[in-house]
Amino acid sequence: ARSQPFEGNPIYKPEKMLVPVRTALQKLLDRTMDGRDTPSFDTLICAIGHAKIRYLSIGGEHNAAMPILEKADQALLRAHYRWQDTNEFGLDGLGRQEISDGIDLYEQVLLASSPNQMLETEKTYIKWLRLQKKGKLQGQHVVLQRKETV
């Protein structure tokens, strides 16, 4: 069962991973995500990060999903900056669609992936985060830090 996709898996059910992500997305879209609810916001960041890793491993950096996930990353970054400025989470109109599209891709790849693949994705994501924090990972990735003022 660990090697079968989540969709239709007799033992491992995707709801355990999907429900928190969909709940966090809905709270962000409804503007009911409290400014102190950083765990829900982090759930969205992780979901997009996991989707990027899975799609990279499936189709490489030129995978058609990557531009959509990059846009979702940037929308999350804008929402993070808004939170820094106002202590409230919110999205611009374009960001609402970009986040939704990114989370839809996360759900699709999760359902098509096995628990073993998602476990490897989680390990890769943790390594990715550690490299980002050390400044050793280059590229367009959401690294939540204070925005630079111009």
N, C-alpha and C. Protein backbone atom coordinates (compact mmCIF):
# COMPACT_ATOMS: atom_id res chain seq x y z
N ALA A 1 0.82 -1.20 0.00
CA ALA A 1 0.00 0.00 0.00
C ALA A 1 0.87 1.27 0.00
N ARG A 2 2.08 1.17 0.57
CA ARG A 2 2.95 2.35 0.60
C ARG A 2 3.45 2.73 -0.79
N SER A 3 3.38 1.80 -1.71
CA SER A 3 3.86 2.06 -3.07
C SER A 3 2.73 2.33 -4.06
N GLN A 4 1.50 2.27 -3.62
CA GLN A 4 0.35 2.54 -4.48
C GLN A 4 -0.05 4.01 -4.34
N PRO A 5 -0.61 4.58 -5.40
CA PRO A 5 -1.06 5.98 -5.30
C PRO A 5 -2.08 6.16 -4.18
N PHE A 6 -2.13 7.37 -3.64
CA PHE A 6 -3.10 7.67 -2.59
C PHE A 6 -4.53 7.45 -3.08
N GLU A 7 -4.80 7.85 -4.33
CA GLU A 7 -6.15 7.68 -4.85
C GLU A 7 -6.46 6.20 -4.98
N GLY A 8 -7.45 5.76 -4.26
CA GLY A 8 -7.84 4.36 -4.27
C GLY A 8 -6.99 3.46 -3.39
N ASN A 9 -6.12 4.03 -2.60
CA ASN A 9 -5.24 3.24 -1.75
C ASN A 9 -6.09 2.57 -0.66
N PRO A 10 -5.92 1.26 -0.46
CA PRO A 10 -6.75 0.56 0.52
C PRO A 10 -6.41 0.91 1.98
N ILE A 11 -5.22 1.43 2.23
CA ILE A 11 -4.81 1.70 3.61
C ILE A 11 -4.57 3.19 3.86
N TYR A 12 -3.80 3.82 3.00
CA TYR A 12 -3.42 5.22 3.20
C TYR A 12 -4.41 6.13 2.49
N LYS A 13 -5.08 6.96 3.27
CA LYS A 13 -6.10 7.85 2.74
C LYS A 13 -5.54 9.27 2.59
N PRO A 14 -5.82 9.91 1.47
CA PRO A 14 -5.26 11.24 1.22
C PRO A 14 -5.88 12.35 2.06
N GLU A 15 -7.03 12.10 2.65
CA GLU A 15 -7.73 13.14 3.40
C GLU A 15 -6.88 13.71 4.54
N LYS A 16 -6.06 12.87 5.14
CA LYS A 16 -5.23 13.33 6.25
C LYS A 16 -4.31 14.46 5.80
N MET A 17 -3.90 14.44 4.54
CA MET A 17 -3.02 15.48 4.02
C MET A 17 -3.80 16.58 3.31
N LEU A 18 -4.91 16.24 2.68
CA LEU A 18 -5.65 17.21 1.90
C LEU A 18 -6.54 18.13 2.73
N VAL A 19 -7.16 17.62 3.75
CA VAL A 19 -8.11 18.43 4.53
C VAL A 19 -7.43 19.65 5.17
N PRO A 20 -6.27 19.50 5.83
CA PRO A 20 -5.64 20.71 6.39
C PRO A 20 -5.25 21.73 5.33
N VAL A 21 -4.84 21.26 4.16
CA VAL A 21 -4.45 22.18 3.08
C VAL A 21 -5.68 22.92 2.55
N ARG A 22 -6.73 22.18 2.27
CA ARG A 22 -7.96 22.80 1.76
C ARG A 22 -8.58 23.74 2.81
N THR A 23 -8.50 23.37 4.08
CA THR A 23 -9.02 24.23 5.14
C THR A 23 -8.22 25.52 5.22
N ALA A 24 -6.91 25.42 5.16
CA ALA A 24 -6.06 26.62 5.19
C ALA A 24 -6.32 27.50 3.98
N LEU A 25 -6.47 26.90 2.81
CA LEU A 25 -6.76 27.68 1.61
C LEU A 25 -8.08 28.43 1.76
N GLN A 26 -9.10 27.74 2.24
CA GLN A 26 -10.41 28.38 2.38
C GLN A 26 -10.35 29.53 3.38
N LYS A 27 -9.62 29.34 4.47
CA LYS A 27 -9.48 30.42 5.45
C LYS A 27 -8.77 31.63 4.84
N LEU A 28 -7.76 31.39 4.01
CA LEU A 28 -7.06 32.49 3.37
C LEU A 28 -7.97 33.19 2.36
N LEU A 29 -8.70 32.42 1.58
CA LEU A 29 -9.60 33.01 0.59
C LEU A 29 -10.75 33.77 1.23
N ASP A 30 -11.26 33.27 2.35
CA ASP A 30 -12.38 33.90 3.05
C ASP A 30 -11.95 35.05 3.96
N ARG A 31 -10.63 35.24 4.07
CA ARG A 31 -10.06 36.24 4.98
C ARG A 31 -10.45 35.97 6.44
N THR A 32 -10.55 34.69 6.78
CA THR A 32 -10.81 34.31 8.17
C THR A 32 -9.55 33.75 8.83
N MET A 33 -8.43 33.78 8.11
CA MET A 33 -7.17 33.33 8.69
C MET A 33 -6.65 34.46 9.58
N ASP A 34 -6.66 34.21 10.85
CA ASP A 34 -6.21 35.18 11.84
C ASP A 34 -4.73 35.48 11.64
N GLY A 35 -4.31 36.68 11.95
CA GLY A 35 -2.91 37.07 11.81
C GLY A 35 -1.96 36.22 12.63
N ARG A 36 -2.47 35.56 13.65
CA ARG A 36 -1.63 34.68 14.48
C ARG A 36 -1.61 33.24 13.97
N ASP A 37 -2.39 32.98 12.93
CA ASP A 37 -2.53 31.60 12.42
C ASP A 37 -1.44 31.29 11.39
N THR A 38 -0.20 31.46 11.80
CA THR A 38 0.90 31.16 10.89
C THR A 38 0.99 29.66 10.55
N PRO A 39 0.57 28.74 11.43
CA PRO A 39 0.62 27.32 11.02
C PRO A 39 -0.24 27.03 9.78
N SER A 40 -1.40 27.65 9.66
CA SER A 40 -2.23 27.43 8.47
C SER A 40 -1.55 27.99 7.23
N PHE A 41 -0.93 29.17 7.37
CA PHE A 41 -0.22 29.76 6.24
C PHE A 41 0.97 28.88 5.87
N ASP A 42 1.68 28.37 6.86
CA ASP A 42 2.81 27.47 6.60
C ASP A 42 2.35 26.20 5.88
N THR A 43 1.15 25.73 6.19
CA THR A 43 0.60 24.55 5.52
C THR A 43 0.51 24.79 4.01
N LEU A 44 0.08 25.99 3.63
CA LEU A 44 -0.02 26.32 2.21
C LEU A 44 1.36 26.40 1.56
N ILE A 45 2.30 27.00 2.26
CA ILE A 45 3.66 27.09 1.73
C ILE A 45 4.24 25.70 1.51
N CYS A 46 4.05 24.82 2.48
CA CYS A 46 4.56 23.45 2.36
C CYS A 46 3.88 22.70 1.21
N ALA A 47 2.58 22.88 1.06
CA ALA A 47 1.86 22.18 -0.01
C ALA A 47 2.41 22.60 -1.38
N ILE A 48 2.62 23.89 -1.58
CA ILE A 48 3.17 24.35 -2.85
C ILE A 48 4.59 23.83 -3.02
N GLY A 49 5.38 23.85 -1.96
CA GLY A 49 6.74 23.32 -2.02
C GLY A 49 6.77 21.84 -2.36
N HIS A 50 5.89 21.08 -1.75
CA HIS A 50 5.82 19.65 -2.04
C HIS A 50 5.41 19.42 -3.49
N ALA A 51 4.44 20.20 -3.96
CA ALA A 51 4.00 20.05 -5.34
C ALA A 51 5.15 20.35 -6.30
N LYS A 52 5.92 21.39 -6.00
CA LYS A 52 7.04 21.74 -6.88
C LYS A 52 8.06 20.59 -6.94
N ILE A 53 8.35 20.00 -5.82
CA ILE A 53 9.32 18.90 -5.78
C ILE A 53 8.80 17.70 -6.56
N ARG A 54 7.53 17.36 -6.36
CA ARG A 54 6.98 16.20 -7.08
C ARG A 54 6.95 16.44 -8.58
N TYR A 55 6.49 17.63 -8.99
CA TYR A 55 6.43 17.91 -10.43
C TYR A 55 7.82 18.00 -11.04
N LEU A 56 8.79 18.50 -10.29
CA LEU A 56 10.17 18.50 -10.78
C LEU A 56 10.67 17.08 -10.98
N SER A 57 10.35 16.20 -10.03
CA SER A 57 10.83 14.82 -10.16
C SER A 57 10.11 14.07 -11.28
N ILE A 58 8.90 14.48 -11.59
CA ILE A 58 8.12 13.81 -12.64
C ILE A 58 8.53 14.32 -14.02
N GLY A 59 8.61 15.62 -14.19
CA GLY A 59 8.82 16.16 -15.53
C GLY A 59 9.92 17.18 -15.67
N GLY A 60 10.73 17.35 -14.64
CA GLY A 60 11.83 18.31 -14.72
C GLY A 60 11.36 19.75 -14.63
N GLU A 61 12.31 20.65 -14.75
CA GLU A 61 12.00 22.06 -14.54
C GLU A 61 11.14 22.66 -15.64
N HIS A 62 11.03 21.98 -16.77
CA HIS A 62 10.20 22.49 -17.86
C HIS A 62 8.80 21.89 -17.86
N ASN A 63 8.45 21.23 -16.77
CA ASN A 63 7.12 20.68 -16.58
C ASN A 63 6.10 21.82 -16.65
N ALA A 64 4.99 21.61 -17.30
CA ALA A 64 3.97 22.64 -17.48
C ALA A 64 3.40 23.15 -16.15
N ALA A 65 3.52 22.36 -15.09
CA ALA A 65 3.00 22.78 -13.79
C ALA A 65 3.89 23.82 -13.11
N MET A 66 5.15 23.86 -13.47
CA MET A 66 6.10 24.72 -12.75
C MET A 66 5.76 26.21 -12.81
N PRO A 67 5.39 26.78 -13.96
CA PRO A 67 5.04 28.21 -13.95
C PRO A 67 3.83 28.52 -13.06
N ILE A 68 2.89 27.61 -13.01
CA ILE A 68 1.71 27.79 -12.17
C ILE A 68 2.11 27.77 -10.70
N LEU A 69 2.99 26.84 -10.34
CA LEU A 69 3.45 26.74 -8.95
C LEU A 69 4.33 27.92 -8.58
N GLU A 70 5.10 28.44 -9.51
CA GLU A 70 5.91 29.64 -9.25
C GLU A 70 5.00 30.83 -8.97
N LYS A 71 3.92 30.95 -9.73
CA LYS A 71 2.96 32.04 -9.50
C LYS A 71 2.31 31.90 -8.13
N ALA A 72 1.99 30.67 -7.75
CA ALA A 72 1.42 30.43 -6.42
C ALA A 72 2.42 30.82 -5.34
N ASP A 73 3.68 30.49 -5.54
CA ASP A 73 4.75 30.89 -4.61
C ASP A 73 4.79 32.41 -4.45
N GLN A 74 4.75 33.10 -5.56
CA GLN A 74 4.82 34.56 -5.52
C GLN A 74 3.58 35.16 -4.86
N ALA A 75 2.42 34.57 -5.07
CA ALA A 75 1.20 35.03 -4.42
C ALA A 75 1.31 34.84 -2.90
N LEU A 76 1.88 33.71 -2.48
CA LEU A 76 2.09 33.48 -1.05
C LEU A 76 3.08 34.48 -0.47
N LEU A 77 4.09 34.81 -1.24
CA LEU A 77 5.07 35.79 -0.79
C LEU A 77 4.40 37.16 -0.61
N ARG A 78 3.55 37.55 -1.55
CA ARG A 78 2.83 38.83 -1.41
C ARG A 78 1.91 38.81 -0.20
N ALA A 79 1.27 37.68 0.05
CA ALA A 79 0.40 37.55 1.23
C ALA A 79 1.24 37.65 2.51
N HIS A 80 2.43 37.08 2.47
CA HIS A 80 3.33 37.16 3.62
C HIS A 80 3.74 38.61 3.89
N TYR A 81 4.07 39.33 2.84
CA TYR A 81 4.43 40.74 2.99
C TYR A 81 3.26 41.55 3.55
N ARG A 82 2.06 41.24 3.08
CA ARG A 82 0.87 41.93 3.61
C ARG A 82 0.73 41.64 5.10
N TRP A 83 0.97 40.40 5.49
CA TRP A 83 0.90 40.04 6.91
C TRP A 83 1.95 40.81 7.71
N GLN A 84 3.16 40.95 7.16
CA GLN A 84 4.20 41.71 7.86
C GLN A 84 3.78 43.16 8.06
N ASP A 85 3.13 43.73 7.05
CA ASP A 85 2.74 45.14 7.12
C ASP A 85 1.50 45.39 7.97
N THR A 86 0.55 44.46 7.96
CA THR A 86 -0.75 44.71 8.59
C THR A 86 -1.13 43.72 9.68
N ASN A 87 -0.35 42.67 9.86
CA ASN A 87 -0.66 41.58 10.78
C ASN A 87 -1.97 40.87 10.41
N GLU A 88 -2.30 40.92 9.12
CA GLU A 88 -3.47 40.20 8.59
C GLU A 88 -3.05 39.50 7.30
N PHE A 89 -3.58 38.30 7.11
CA PHE A 89 -3.33 37.59 5.87
C PHE A 89 -4.38 38.02 4.85
N GLY A 90 -3.93 38.24 3.64
CA GLY A 90 -4.86 38.60 2.58
C GLY A 90 -4.19 38.41 1.23
N LEU A 91 -5.02 38.36 0.21
CA LEU A 91 -4.53 38.15 -1.15
C LEU A 91 -5.08 39.22 -2.07
N ASP A 92 -4.31 39.54 -3.10
CA ASP A 92 -4.85 40.36 -4.17
C ASP A 92 -5.69 39.45 -5.07
N GLY A 93 -6.44 40.05 -5.98
CA GLY A 93 -7.33 39.27 -6.84
C GLY A 93 -6.61 38.20 -7.64
N LEU A 94 -5.49 38.57 -8.23
CA LEU A 94 -4.72 37.60 -9.01
C LEU A 94 -4.17 36.50 -8.10
N GLY A 95 -3.73 36.87 -6.92
CA GLY A 95 -3.19 35.90 -5.97
C GLY A 95 -4.20 34.85 -5.56
N ARG A 96 -5.46 35.25 -5.45
CA ARG A 96 -6.51 34.28 -5.09
C ARG A 96 -6.55 33.14 -6.11
N GLN A 97 -6.50 33.51 -7.39
CA GLN A 97 -6.55 32.49 -8.44
C GLN A 97 -5.26 31.68 -8.48
N GLU A 98 -4.12 32.35 -8.32
CA GLU A 98 -2.83 31.67 -8.39
C GLU A 98 -2.66 30.65 -7.27
N ILE A 99 -3.08 31.02 -6.07
CA ILE A 99 -3.00 30.08 -4.94
C ILE A 99 -3.93 28.89 -5.18
N SER A 100 -5.14 29.18 -5.60
CA SER A 100 -6.10 28.10 -5.86
C SER A 100 -5.58 27.14 -6.92
N ASP A 101 -5.03 27.69 -8.00
CA ASP A 101 -4.47 26.83 -9.05
C ASP A 101 -3.32 25.98 -8.52
N GLY A 102 -2.45 26.57 -7.71
CA GLY A 102 -1.33 25.83 -7.14
C GLY A 102 -1.78 24.71 -6.23
N ILE A 103 -2.77 24.99 -5.41
CA ILE A 103 -3.28 23.95 -4.49
C ILE A 103 -4.00 22.86 -5.27
N ASP A 104 -4.67 23.21 -6.36
CA ASP A 104 -5.28 22.18 -7.21
C ASP A 104 -4.21 21.24 -7.76
N LEU A 105 -3.08 21.81 -8.19
CA LEU A 105 -1.98 20.97 -8.69
C LEU A 105 -1.41 20.09 -7.58
N TYR A 106 -1.30 20.65 -6.36
CA TYR A 106 -0.84 19.86 -5.22
C TYR A 106 -1.76 18.65 -5.02
N GLU A 107 -3.05 18.89 -5.04
CA GLU A 107 -3.99 17.80 -4.83
C GLU A 107 -3.86 16.74 -5.92
N GLN A 108 -3.74 17.17 -7.16
CA GLN A 108 -3.61 16.22 -8.26
C GLN A 108 -2.37 15.34 -8.12
N VAL A 109 -1.24 15.98 -7.81
CA VAL A 109 0.00 15.21 -7.71
C VAL A 109 0.00 14.33 -6.46
N LEU A 110 -0.61 14.79 -5.39
CA LEU A 110 -0.71 13.97 -4.18
C LEU A 110 -1.51 12.70 -4.48
N LEU A 111 -2.66 12.85 -5.10
CA LEU A 111 -3.51 11.70 -5.38
C LEU A 111 -2.83 10.70 -6.32
N ALA A 112 -2.00 11.20 -7.21
CA ALA A 112 -1.30 10.31 -8.15
C ALA A 112 -0.02 9.73 -7.56
N SER A 113 0.41 10.25 -6.42
CA SER A 113 1.66 9.80 -5.78
C SER A 113 1.37 8.75 -4.72
N SER A 114 2.40 8.00 -4.41
CA SER A 114 2.29 7.00 -3.34
C SER A 114 2.75 7.61 -2.02
N PRO A 115 2.38 7.00 -0.91
CA PRO A 115 2.89 7.46 0.38
C PRO A 115 4.43 7.49 0.41
N ASN A 116 5.08 6.48 -0.18
CA ASN A 116 6.55 6.48 -0.22
C ASN A 116 7.09 7.69 -0.99
N GLN A 117 6.47 8.01 -2.12
CA GLN A 117 6.91 9.16 -2.89
C GLN A 117 6.73 10.46 -2.11
N MET A 118 5.64 10.58 -1.40
CA MET A 118 5.39 11.80 -0.63
C MET A 118 6.33 11.88 0.58
N LEU A 119 6.70 10.74 1.14
CA LEU A 119 7.68 10.74 2.22
C LEU A 119 9.03 11.23 1.71
N GLU A 120 9.44 10.76 0.54
CA GLU A 120 10.69 11.23 -0.07
C GLU A 120 10.60 12.72 -0.40
N THR A 121 9.44 13.15 -0.83
CA THR A 121 9.22 14.57 -1.12
C THR A 121 9.40 15.40 0.15
N GLU A 122 8.86 14.92 1.24
CA GLU A 122 8.99 15.64 2.52
C GLU A 122 10.46 15.74 2.94
N LYS A 123 11.20 14.65 2.77
CA LYS A 123 12.64 14.67 3.11
C LYS A 123 13.38 15.68 2.23
N THR A 124 13.06 15.68 0.96
CA THR A 124 13.70 16.63 0.03
C THR A 124 13.33 18.06 0.40
N TYR A 125 12.07 18.28 0.77
CA TYR A 125 11.61 19.61 1.14
C TYR A 125 12.36 20.13 2.37
N ILE A 126 12.57 19.27 3.34
CA ILE A 126 13.31 19.66 4.55
C ILE A 126 14.75 20.03 4.18
N LYS A 127 15.37 19.24 3.32
CA LYS A 127 16.73 19.58 2.85
C LYS A 127 16.73 20.92 2.12
N TRP A 128 15.72 21.13 1.30
CA TRP A 128 15.56 22.36 0.54
C TRP A 128 15.47 23.56 1.48
N LEU A 129 14.65 23.44 2.52
CA LEU A 129 14.51 24.52 3.49
C LEU A 129 15.82 24.82 4.20
N ARG A 130 16.53 23.78 4.58
CA ARG A 130 17.82 23.98 5.25
C ARG A 130 18.80 24.70 4.35
N LEU A 131 18.84 24.34 3.07
CA LEU A 131 19.72 25.02 2.11
C LEU A 131 19.31 26.47 1.92
N GLN A 132 18.01 26.73 1.86
CA GLN A 132 17.53 28.11 1.73
C GLN A 132 17.98 28.95 2.92
N LYS A 133 17.80 28.41 4.10
CA LYS A 133 18.16 29.16 5.32
C LYS A 133 19.65 29.45 5.39
N LYS A 134 20.44 28.56 4.82
CA LYS A 134 21.89 28.78 4.81
C LYS A 134 22.32 29.65 3.63
N GLY A 135 21.37 30.02 2.76
CA GLY A 135 21.69 30.85 1.60
C GLY A 135 22.38 30.10 0.49
N LYS A 136 22.25 28.78 0.49
CA LYS A 136 22.94 27.97 -0.52
C LYS A 136 22.02 27.52 -1.65
N LEU A 137 20.78 27.95 -1.63
CA LEU A 137 19.84 27.56 -2.68
C LEU A 137 19.44 28.81 -3.43
N GLN A 138 19.69 28.81 -4.71
CA GLN A 138 19.39 29.97 -5.55
C GLN A 138 18.13 29.69 -6.36
N GLY A 139 17.49 30.75 -6.81
CA GLY A 139 16.32 30.60 -7.67
C GLY A 139 15.12 31.26 -7.06
N GLN A 140 13.98 31.05 -7.70
CA GLN A 140 12.75 31.66 -7.25
C GLN A 140 12.02 30.72 -6.32
N HIS A 141 12.25 30.87 -5.06
CA HIS A 141 11.59 30.05 -4.04
C HIS A 141 11.15 30.99 -2.93
N VAL A 142 10.03 30.67 -2.33
CA VAL A 142 9.56 31.51 -1.24
C VAL A 142 10.44 31.27 -0.03
N VAL A 143 11.13 32.30 0.37
CA VAL A 143 11.89 32.30 1.60
C VAL A 143 11.29 33.42 2.43
N LEU A 144 10.58 33.07 3.47
CA LEU A 144 9.89 34.08 4.24
C LEU A 144 10.86 34.82 5.13
N GLN A 145 11.02 36.07 4.81
CA GLN A 145 11.89 36.94 5.58
C GLN A 145 11.32 38.34 5.45
N ARG A 146 11.91 39.26 6.14
CA ARG A 146 11.45 40.64 6.06
C ARG A 146 11.63 41.14 4.64
N LYS A 147 10.62 41.83 4.13
CA LYS A 147 10.76 42.35 2.77
C LYS A 147 11.71 43.55 2.81
N GLU A 148 12.35 43.74 1.68
CA GLU A 148 13.28 44.85 1.57
C GLU A 148 12.48 46.11 1.25
N THR A 149 12.79 47.20 1.93
CA THR A 149 12.12 48.45 1.66
C THR A 149 12.95 49.25 0.67
N VAL A 150 12.25 49.89 -0.23
CA VAL A 150 12.92 50.64 -1.28
C VAL A 150 13.01 52.09 -0.89
